[in-house]
């Protein structure tokens, strides 16, 4: 086979591979994340977290979509989200100050990396692999929100 023909084959195969990658990316972008599948994964993460002693469920868990950065207002209209956050809200027992609750979680969340929230005294973010946990212990309430795949690694 001539060198010219070999080069043409290689370029053709590279072009086809590029088209396949592009089609997969556009398909993922067009379909967005599935809320039910995403929420199931978030619930798996949430079920592995300890609950502050004495905390009781304050409202039913819910999920909210995280739009693509460039989607603007249209994401909410057409339901195309890059991911979902699942949130559980609890009422804290009397005397559970934010510093006590945050201290409890800093001791209990081995393997999670804390990330301070600038200007927040009752909130901290934790990251473990691709999961992000937003923990708030404000106003006698505990909120645990998880997005199991917020960060790309």
N, C-alpha and C. Protein backbone atom coordinates (compact mmCIF):
# COMPACT_ATOMS: atom_id res chain seq x y z
N UNK A 1 0.85 -1.17 0.00
CA UNK A 1 0.00 0.00 0.00
C UNK A 1 0.90 1.24 0.00
N UNK A 2 0.50 2.22 -0.75
CA UNK A 2 1.32 3.42 -0.84
C UNK A 2 1.17 4.27 0.41
N UNK A 3 2.17 5.11 0.61
CA UNK A 3 2.16 6.00 1.78
C UNK A 3 0.97 6.96 1.74
N UNK A 4 0.63 7.40 0.56
CA UNK A 4 -0.48 8.33 0.40
C UNK A 4 -1.82 7.67 0.78
N UNK A 5 -1.99 6.43 0.35
CA UNK A 5 -3.22 5.69 0.65
C UNK A 5 -3.31 5.41 2.16
N UNK A 6 -2.20 5.05 2.79
CA UNK A 6 -2.17 4.79 4.23
C UNK A 6 -2.56 6.04 5.00
N UNK A 7 -2.01 7.17 4.59
CA UNK A 7 -2.33 8.44 5.23
C UNK A 7 -3.81 8.75 5.08
N UNK A 8 -4.38 8.50 3.92
CA UNK A 8 -5.80 8.75 3.68
C UNK A 8 -6.66 7.87 4.58
N UNK A 9 -6.29 6.59 4.73
CA UNK A 9 -7.04 5.69 5.62
C UNK A 9 -6.98 6.17 7.07
N UNK A 10 -5.80 6.54 7.51
CA UNK A 10 -5.63 7.00 8.89
C UNK A 10 -6.46 8.27 9.13
N UNK A 11 -6.41 9.20 8.20
CA UNK A 11 -7.20 10.42 8.34
C UNK A 11 -8.70 10.11 8.32
N UNK A 12 -9.12 9.17 7.49
CA UNK A 12 -10.52 8.78 7.42
C UNK A 12 -10.99 8.17 8.74
N UNK A 13 -10.17 7.28 9.30
CA UNK A 13 -10.52 6.64 10.58
C UNK A 13 -10.56 7.69 11.68
N UNK A 14 -9.60 8.61 11.71
CA UNK A 14 -9.58 9.67 12.73
C UNK A 14 -10.82 10.55 12.60
N UNK A 15 -11.23 10.85 11.34
CA UNK A 15 -12.42 11.67 11.13
C UNK A 15 -13.67 10.96 11.62
N UNK A 16 -13.80 9.68 11.36
CA UNK A 16 -14.95 8.90 11.82
C UNK A 16 -14.97 8.85 13.34
N UNK A 17 -13.81 8.64 13.97
CA UNK A 17 -13.73 8.61 15.43
C UNK A 17 -14.16 9.96 16.01
N UNK A 18 -13.71 11.04 15.40
CA UNK A 18 -14.09 12.37 15.85
C UNK A 18 -15.59 12.58 15.73
N UNK A 19 -16.19 12.11 14.63
CA UNK A 19 -17.64 12.23 14.46
C UNK A 19 -18.39 11.43 15.53
N UNK A 20 -17.90 10.25 15.87
CA UNK A 20 -18.55 9.43 16.91
C UNK A 20 -18.48 10.11 18.27
N UNK A 21 -17.33 10.68 18.60
CA UNK A 21 -17.19 11.39 19.87
C UNK A 21 -18.11 12.60 19.90
N UNK A 22 -18.16 13.33 18.82
CA UNK A 22 -19.03 14.51 18.74
C UNK A 22 -20.50 14.11 18.85
N UNK A 23 -20.90 13.03 18.18
CA UNK A 23 -22.28 12.57 18.26
C UNK A 23 -22.64 12.15 19.68
N UNK A 24 -21.74 11.47 20.36
CA UNK A 24 -22.00 11.06 21.75
C UNK A 24 -22.14 12.29 22.65
N UNK A 25 -21.27 13.27 22.47
CA UNK A 25 -21.34 14.49 23.27
C UNK A 25 -22.65 15.24 23.01
N UNK A 26 -23.01 15.40 21.75
CA UNK A 26 -24.25 16.12 21.42
C UNK A 26 -25.47 15.35 21.90
N UNK A 27 -25.43 14.04 21.85
CA UNK A 27 -26.53 13.23 22.36
C UNK A 27 -26.71 13.42 23.85
N UNK A 28 -25.60 13.43 24.57
CA UNK A 28 -25.66 13.64 26.02
C UNK A 28 -26.17 15.04 26.34
N UNK A 29 -25.68 16.02 25.58
CA UNK A 29 -26.11 17.40 25.80
C UNK A 29 -27.60 17.55 25.51
N UNK A 30 -28.07 16.93 24.45
CA UNK A 30 -29.47 17.07 24.06
C UNK A 30 -30.40 16.37 25.05
N UNK A 31 -29.96 15.25 25.56
CA UNK A 31 -30.84 14.50 26.45
C UNK A 31 -30.81 15.03 27.87
N UNK A 32 -29.71 15.64 28.29
CA UNK A 32 -29.60 16.12 29.65
C UNK A 32 -29.57 14.96 30.63
N UNK A 33 -29.51 15.28 31.91
CA UNK A 33 -29.47 14.26 32.94
C UNK A 33 -30.88 13.79 33.25
N UNK A 34 -31.02 12.52 33.56
CA UNK A 34 -32.31 11.97 33.95
C UNK A 34 -32.51 12.23 35.45
N UNK A 35 -33.57 12.95 35.80
CA UNK A 35 -33.78 13.31 37.20
C UNK A 35 -33.93 12.08 38.09
N UNK A 36 -34.71 11.11 37.65
CA UNK A 36 -34.93 9.94 38.51
C UNK A 36 -33.65 9.14 38.73
N UNK A 37 -32.88 8.93 37.67
CA UNK A 37 -31.61 8.19 37.82
C UNK A 37 -30.63 8.96 38.69
N UNK A 38 -30.57 10.26 38.45
CA UNK A 38 -29.63 11.10 39.21
C UNK A 38 -30.02 11.13 40.69
N UNK A 39 -31.32 11.30 40.95
CA UNK A 39 -31.79 11.35 42.32
C UNK A 39 -31.52 10.03 43.05
N UNK A 40 -31.64 8.91 42.35
CA UNK A 40 -31.33 7.61 42.97
C UNK A 40 -29.88 7.56 43.42
N UNK A 41 -28.98 8.04 42.57
CA UNK A 41 -27.57 8.06 42.95
C UNK A 41 -27.32 9.02 44.11
N UNK A 42 -27.98 10.17 44.07
CA UNK A 42 -27.85 11.12 45.19
C UNK A 42 -28.34 10.48 46.49
N UNK A 43 -29.44 9.75 46.42
CA UNK A 43 -29.99 9.10 47.62
C UNK A 43 -29.03 8.05 48.17
N UNK A 44 -28.31 7.37 47.31
CA UNK A 44 -27.31 6.40 47.77
C UNK A 44 -26.25 7.11 48.60
N UNK A 45 -25.79 8.25 48.10
CA UNK A 45 -24.79 9.04 48.84
C UNK A 45 -25.39 9.53 50.15
N UNK A 46 -26.59 10.09 50.08
CA UNK A 46 -27.23 10.63 51.30
C UNK A 46 -27.46 9.54 52.35
N UNK A 47 -27.82 8.35 51.92
CA UNK A 47 -28.07 7.27 52.88
C UNK A 47 -26.80 6.82 53.58
N UNK A 48 -25.64 7.14 53.01
CA UNK A 48 -24.37 6.76 53.64
C UNK A 48 -23.90 7.79 54.66
N UNK A 49 -24.58 8.94 54.73
CA UNK A 49 -24.16 10.01 55.63
C UNK A 49 -24.78 9.82 57.02
N UNK A 50 -24.02 10.18 58.06
CA UNK A 50 -24.60 10.12 59.40
C UNK A 50 -25.61 11.25 59.59
N UNK A 51 -26.56 11.03 60.47
CA UNK A 51 -27.53 12.07 60.79
C UNK A 51 -27.20 12.61 62.17
N UNK A 52 -27.22 13.91 62.31
CA UNK A 52 -26.92 14.53 63.59
C UNK A 52 -27.88 13.98 64.65
N UNK A 53 -27.36 13.58 65.80
CA UNK A 53 -28.22 12.98 66.84
C UNK A 53 -29.38 13.90 67.24
N UNK A 54 -30.58 13.34 67.22
CA UNK A 54 -31.77 14.09 67.61
C UNK A 54 -32.43 14.85 66.48
N UNK A 55 -31.81 14.90 65.30
CA UNK A 55 -32.42 15.60 64.17
C UNK A 55 -33.61 14.80 63.65
N UNK A 56 -34.67 15.50 63.28
CA UNK A 56 -35.87 14.85 62.77
C UNK A 56 -36.25 15.47 61.42
N UNK A 57 -36.81 14.64 60.54
CA UNK A 57 -37.15 15.12 59.20
C UNK A 57 -38.15 16.27 59.29
N UNK A 58 -37.84 17.35 58.58
CA UNK A 58 -38.69 18.54 58.61
C UNK A 58 -39.56 18.67 57.36
N UNK A 59 -39.10 18.10 56.26
CA UNK A 59 -39.88 18.15 55.02
C UNK A 59 -39.45 17.00 54.12
N UNK A 60 -40.25 16.70 53.15
CA UNK A 60 -39.95 15.60 52.24
C UNK A 60 -38.73 15.94 51.39
N UNK A 61 -37.88 14.95 51.08
CA UNK A 61 -36.74 15.20 50.21
C UNK A 61 -37.20 15.66 48.83
N UNK A 62 -36.37 16.44 48.17
CA UNK A 62 -36.71 16.93 46.83
C UNK A 62 -35.43 17.08 46.02
N UNK A 63 -35.59 17.14 44.70
CA UNK A 63 -34.45 17.33 43.80
C UNK A 63 -34.69 18.56 42.94
N UNK A 64 -33.59 19.27 42.65
CA UNK A 64 -33.66 20.44 41.77
C UNK A 64 -32.59 20.31 40.70
N UNK A 65 -32.89 20.78 39.51
CA UNK A 65 -31.97 20.68 38.39
C UNK A 65 -30.89 21.74 38.45
N UNK A 66 -29.70 21.35 38.00
CA UNK A 66 -28.56 22.27 37.87
C UNK A 66 -28.37 22.51 36.37
N UNK A 67 -28.70 23.71 35.88
CA UNK A 67 -28.63 23.95 34.43
C UNK A 67 -27.20 24.00 33.92
N UNK A 68 -27.06 23.79 32.63
CA UNK A 68 -25.77 23.96 31.99
C UNK A 68 -25.37 25.42 32.12
N UNK A 69 -24.08 25.72 32.26
CA UNK A 69 -23.65 27.11 32.48
C UNK A 69 -24.15 28.10 31.44
N UNK A 70 -24.24 27.69 30.17
CA UNK A 70 -24.64 28.61 29.11
C UNK A 70 -26.11 28.47 28.72
N UNK A 71 -26.88 27.68 29.48
CA UNK A 71 -28.26 27.40 29.09
C UNK A 71 -29.20 28.56 29.38
N UNK A 72 -28.89 29.35 30.38
CA UNK A 72 -29.76 30.47 30.72
C UNK A 72 -31.12 30.01 31.20
N UNK A 73 -32.13 30.82 31.00
CA UNK A 73 -33.48 30.52 31.48
C UNK A 73 -34.13 29.38 30.71
N UNK A 74 -33.64 29.08 29.52
CA UNK A 74 -34.27 28.05 28.70
C UNK A 74 -34.15 26.66 29.33
N UNK A 75 -33.12 26.44 30.15
CA UNK A 75 -32.94 25.12 30.77
C UNK A 75 -34.14 24.76 31.63
N UNK A 76 -34.63 25.70 32.42
CA UNK A 76 -35.77 25.43 33.28
C UNK A 76 -37.03 25.18 32.46
N UNK A 77 -37.14 25.85 31.32
CA UNK A 77 -38.32 25.70 30.48
C UNK A 77 -38.38 24.33 29.81
N UNK A 78 -37.22 23.85 29.32
CA UNK A 78 -37.24 22.59 28.58
C UNK A 78 -36.71 21.40 29.39
N UNK A 79 -36.34 21.63 30.63
CA UNK A 79 -35.95 20.54 31.51
C UNK A 79 -34.59 19.93 31.23
N UNK A 80 -33.75 20.62 30.48
CA UNK A 80 -32.41 20.09 30.20
C UNK A 80 -31.44 20.57 31.28
N UNK A 81 -31.02 19.64 32.10
CA UNK A 81 -30.10 19.96 33.19
C UNK A 81 -28.87 19.08 33.09
N UNK A 82 -27.74 19.62 33.54
CA UNK A 82 -26.51 18.83 33.53
C UNK A 82 -26.44 17.88 34.71
N UNK A 83 -27.17 18.18 35.79
CA UNK A 83 -27.18 17.33 36.97
C UNK A 83 -28.33 17.74 37.87
N UNK A 84 -28.47 17.02 38.99
CA UNK A 84 -29.52 17.32 39.95
C UNK A 84 -28.96 17.30 41.36
N UNK A 85 -29.50 18.15 42.20
CA UNK A 85 -29.21 18.17 43.64
C UNK A 85 -30.41 17.54 44.34
N UNK A 86 -30.14 16.66 45.28
CA UNK A 86 -31.19 16.09 46.12
C UNK A 86 -30.97 16.61 47.53
N UNK A 87 -32.05 17.11 48.13
CA UNK A 87 -31.95 17.79 49.43
C UNK A 87 -32.84 17.11 50.47
N UNK A 88 -32.27 16.90 51.64
CA UNK A 88 -33.00 16.44 52.83
C UNK A 88 -32.90 17.54 53.88
N UNK A 89 -34.02 17.87 54.51
CA UNK A 89 -34.06 18.93 55.51
C UNK A 89 -34.55 18.35 56.84
N UNK A 90 -33.84 18.72 57.92
CA UNK A 90 -34.15 18.21 59.25
C UNK A 90 -34.27 19.36 60.25
N UNK A 91 -35.06 19.14 61.28
CA UNK A 91 -35.12 20.07 62.41
C UNK A 91 -34.10 19.60 63.43
N UNK A 92 -33.27 20.52 63.88
CA UNK A 92 -32.24 20.19 64.86
C UNK A 92 -32.81 20.22 66.27
N UNK A 93 -32.26 19.42 67.17
CA UNK A 93 -32.74 19.46 68.56
C UNK A 93 -32.37 20.78 69.22
N UNK A 94 -33.08 21.11 70.28
CA UNK A 94 -32.82 22.34 71.04
C UNK A 94 -31.37 22.31 71.53
N UNK A 95 -30.68 23.43 71.38
CA UNK A 95 -29.31 23.55 71.85
C UNK A 95 -28.25 23.13 70.85
N UNK A 96 -28.67 22.71 69.67
CA UNK A 96 -27.70 22.29 68.64
C UNK A 96 -27.24 23.52 67.87
N UNK A 97 -26.16 24.12 68.34
CA UNK A 97 -25.62 25.31 67.68
C UNK A 97 -24.93 24.91 66.37
N UNK A 98 -24.86 25.83 65.41
CA UNK A 98 -24.21 25.53 64.14
C UNK A 98 -22.79 24.99 64.30
N UNK A 99 -22.00 25.57 65.20
CA UNK A 99 -20.62 25.10 65.37
C UNK A 99 -20.58 23.66 65.88
N UNK A 100 -21.54 23.26 66.72
CA UNK A 100 -21.60 21.88 67.20
C UNK A 100 -21.96 20.92 66.07
N UNK A 101 -22.92 21.31 65.26
CA UNK A 101 -23.35 20.46 64.14
C UNK A 101 -22.23 20.33 63.11
N UNK A 102 -21.61 21.45 62.74
CA UNK A 102 -20.52 21.39 61.77
C UNK A 102 -19.34 20.59 62.31
N UNK A 103 -19.07 20.72 63.61
CA UNK A 103 -18.01 19.93 64.24
C UNK A 103 -18.31 18.44 64.20
N UNK A 104 -19.56 18.08 64.45
CA UNK A 104 -19.98 16.68 64.37
C UNK A 104 -19.67 16.11 62.99
N UNK A 105 -20.07 16.86 61.95
CA UNK A 105 -19.85 16.37 60.59
C UNK A 105 -18.38 16.37 60.20
N UNK A 106 -17.60 17.31 60.70
CA UNK A 106 -16.17 17.30 60.37
C UNK A 106 -15.50 16.05 60.94
N UNK A 107 -15.99 15.55 62.07
CA UNK A 107 -15.45 14.32 62.65
C UNK A 107 -15.99 13.07 61.97
N UNK A 108 -17.22 13.11 61.50
CA UNK A 108 -17.89 11.92 60.97
C UNK A 108 -17.63 11.67 59.49
N UNK A 109 -17.28 12.71 58.75
CA UNK A 109 -17.17 12.55 57.29
C UNK A 109 -15.73 12.23 56.86
N UNK A 110 -15.23 11.11 57.33
CA UNK A 110 -13.90 10.66 56.91
C UNK A 110 -13.92 10.39 55.41
N UNK A 111 -12.90 10.82 54.73
CA UNK A 111 -12.83 10.64 53.29
C UNK A 111 -13.42 11.78 52.48
N UNK A 112 -14.11 12.69 53.14
CA UNK A 112 -14.67 13.87 52.47
C UNK A 112 -13.73 15.04 52.71
N UNK A 113 -13.51 15.86 51.71
CA UNK A 113 -12.65 17.04 51.83
C UNK A 113 -13.52 18.28 52.05
N UNK A 114 -13.31 19.00 53.16
CA UNK A 114 -14.11 20.20 53.41
C UNK A 114 -13.65 21.36 52.54
N UNK A 115 -14.60 22.17 52.13
CA UNK A 115 -14.32 23.39 51.36
C UNK A 115 -15.18 24.50 51.97
N UNK A 116 -14.53 25.45 52.60
CA UNK A 116 -15.26 26.53 53.27
C UNK A 116 -16.05 27.35 52.26
N UNK A 117 -17.20 27.83 52.71
CA UNK A 117 -18.02 28.72 51.91
C UNK A 117 -17.73 30.13 52.40
N UNK A 118 -17.23 30.96 51.50
CA UNK A 118 -16.82 32.31 51.88
C UNK A 118 -17.98 33.09 52.50
N UNK A 119 -17.74 33.63 53.69
CA UNK A 119 -18.72 34.45 54.38
C UNK A 119 -19.81 33.68 55.12
N UNK A 120 -19.78 32.35 55.04
CA UNK A 120 -20.82 31.55 55.70
C UNK A 120 -20.32 31.05 57.05
N UNK A 121 -21.16 31.17 58.06
CA UNK A 121 -20.79 30.69 59.39
C UNK A 121 -21.50 29.39 59.74
N UNK A 122 -22.51 29.03 58.96
CA UNK A 122 -23.27 27.83 59.27
C UNK A 122 -23.37 26.88 58.08
N UNK A 123 -22.46 27.02 57.13
CA UNK A 123 -22.49 26.18 55.93
C UNK A 123 -21.07 25.78 55.55
N UNK A 124 -20.94 24.54 55.06
CA UNK A 124 -19.66 24.06 54.55
C UNK A 124 -19.94 23.07 53.42
N UNK A 125 -19.06 23.07 52.45
CA UNK A 125 -19.14 22.12 51.34
C UNK A 125 -18.13 21.01 51.59
N UNK A 126 -18.51 19.81 51.21
CA UNK A 126 -17.60 18.67 51.26
C UNK A 126 -17.57 18.02 49.89
N UNK A 127 -16.42 17.50 49.55
CA UNK A 127 -16.26 16.83 48.27
C UNK A 127 -15.61 15.47 48.51
N UNK A 128 -16.14 14.46 47.84
CA UNK A 128 -15.52 13.13 47.85
C UNK A 128 -15.63 12.59 46.45
N UNK A 129 -14.48 12.37 45.84
CA UNK A 129 -14.42 11.95 44.44
C UNK A 129 -15.26 12.89 43.60
N UNK A 130 -16.34 12.41 42.98
CA UNK A 130 -17.17 13.27 42.13
C UNK A 130 -18.40 13.79 42.84
N UNK A 131 -18.57 13.47 44.10
CA UNK A 131 -19.77 13.90 44.83
C UNK A 131 -19.51 15.21 45.57
N UNK A 132 -20.53 16.05 45.62
CA UNK A 132 -20.47 17.30 46.35
C UNK A 132 -21.61 17.31 47.36
N UNK A 133 -21.27 17.62 48.61
CA UNK A 133 -22.25 17.71 49.70
C UNK A 133 -22.27 19.15 50.20
N UNK A 134 -23.44 19.77 50.17
CA UNK A 134 -23.62 21.11 50.73
C UNK A 134 -24.35 20.92 52.05
N UNK A 135 -23.68 21.25 53.15
CA UNK A 135 -24.21 21.02 54.49
C UNK A 135 -24.48 22.38 55.15
N UNK A 136 -25.73 22.60 55.55
CA UNK A 136 -26.10 23.86 56.21
C UNK A 136 -26.73 23.54 57.56
N UNK A 137 -26.26 24.21 58.59
CA UNK A 137 -26.82 24.06 59.94
C UNK A 137 -27.20 25.44 60.45
N UNK A 138 -28.21 26.01 59.85
CA UNK A 138 -28.62 27.39 60.15
C UNK A 138 -30.05 27.40 60.70
N UNK A 139 -30.30 28.32 61.63
CA UNK A 139 -31.66 28.57 62.13
C UNK A 139 -32.38 27.30 62.60
N UNK A 140 -31.73 26.52 63.43
CA UNK A 140 -32.31 25.28 63.99
C UNK A 140 -32.69 24.26 62.92
N UNK A 141 -32.07 24.36 61.75
CA UNK A 141 -32.37 23.46 60.65
C UNK A 141 -31.08 22.88 60.09
N UNK A 142 -31.14 21.64 59.66
CA UNK A 142 -30.01 20.96 59.02
C UNK A 142 -30.43 20.61 57.61
N UNK A 143 -29.66 21.06 56.63
CA UNK A 143 -29.95 20.76 55.23
C UNK A 143 -28.75 20.03 54.64
N UNK A 144 -29.00 18.85 54.10
CA UNK A 144 -27.98 18.07 53.42
C UNK A 144 -28.38 17.97 51.95
N UNK A 145 -27.58 18.57 51.08
CA UNK A 145 -27.84 18.54 49.64
C UNK A 145 -26.67 17.85 48.95
N UNK A 146 -26.99 16.89 48.08
CA UNK A 146 -25.94 16.13 47.39
C UNK A 146 -26.14 16.20 45.89
N UNK A 147 -25.03 16.37 45.20
CA UNK A 147 -24.97 16.21 43.76
C UNK A 147 -23.83 15.22 43.54
N UNK A 148 -24.18 13.97 43.22
CA UNK A 148 -23.19 12.91 43.22
C UNK A 148 -22.14 13.05 42.13
N UNK A 149 -22.35 13.91 41.16
CA UNK A 149 -21.38 14.00 40.07
C UNK A 149 -21.22 15.43 39.59
N UNK A 150 -21.19 16.36 40.53
CA UNK A 150 -21.08 17.78 40.18
C UNK A 150 -19.73 18.09 39.53
N UNK A 151 -18.67 17.50 40.03
CA UNK A 151 -17.34 17.82 39.51
C UNK A 151 -16.87 16.79 38.52
N UNK A 152 -16.28 17.24 37.43
CA UNK A 152 -15.62 16.35 36.49
C UNK A 152 -14.21 16.09 36.98
N UNK A 153 -13.80 14.84 36.95
CA UNK A 153 -12.43 14.50 37.37
C UNK A 153 -11.63 14.05 36.18
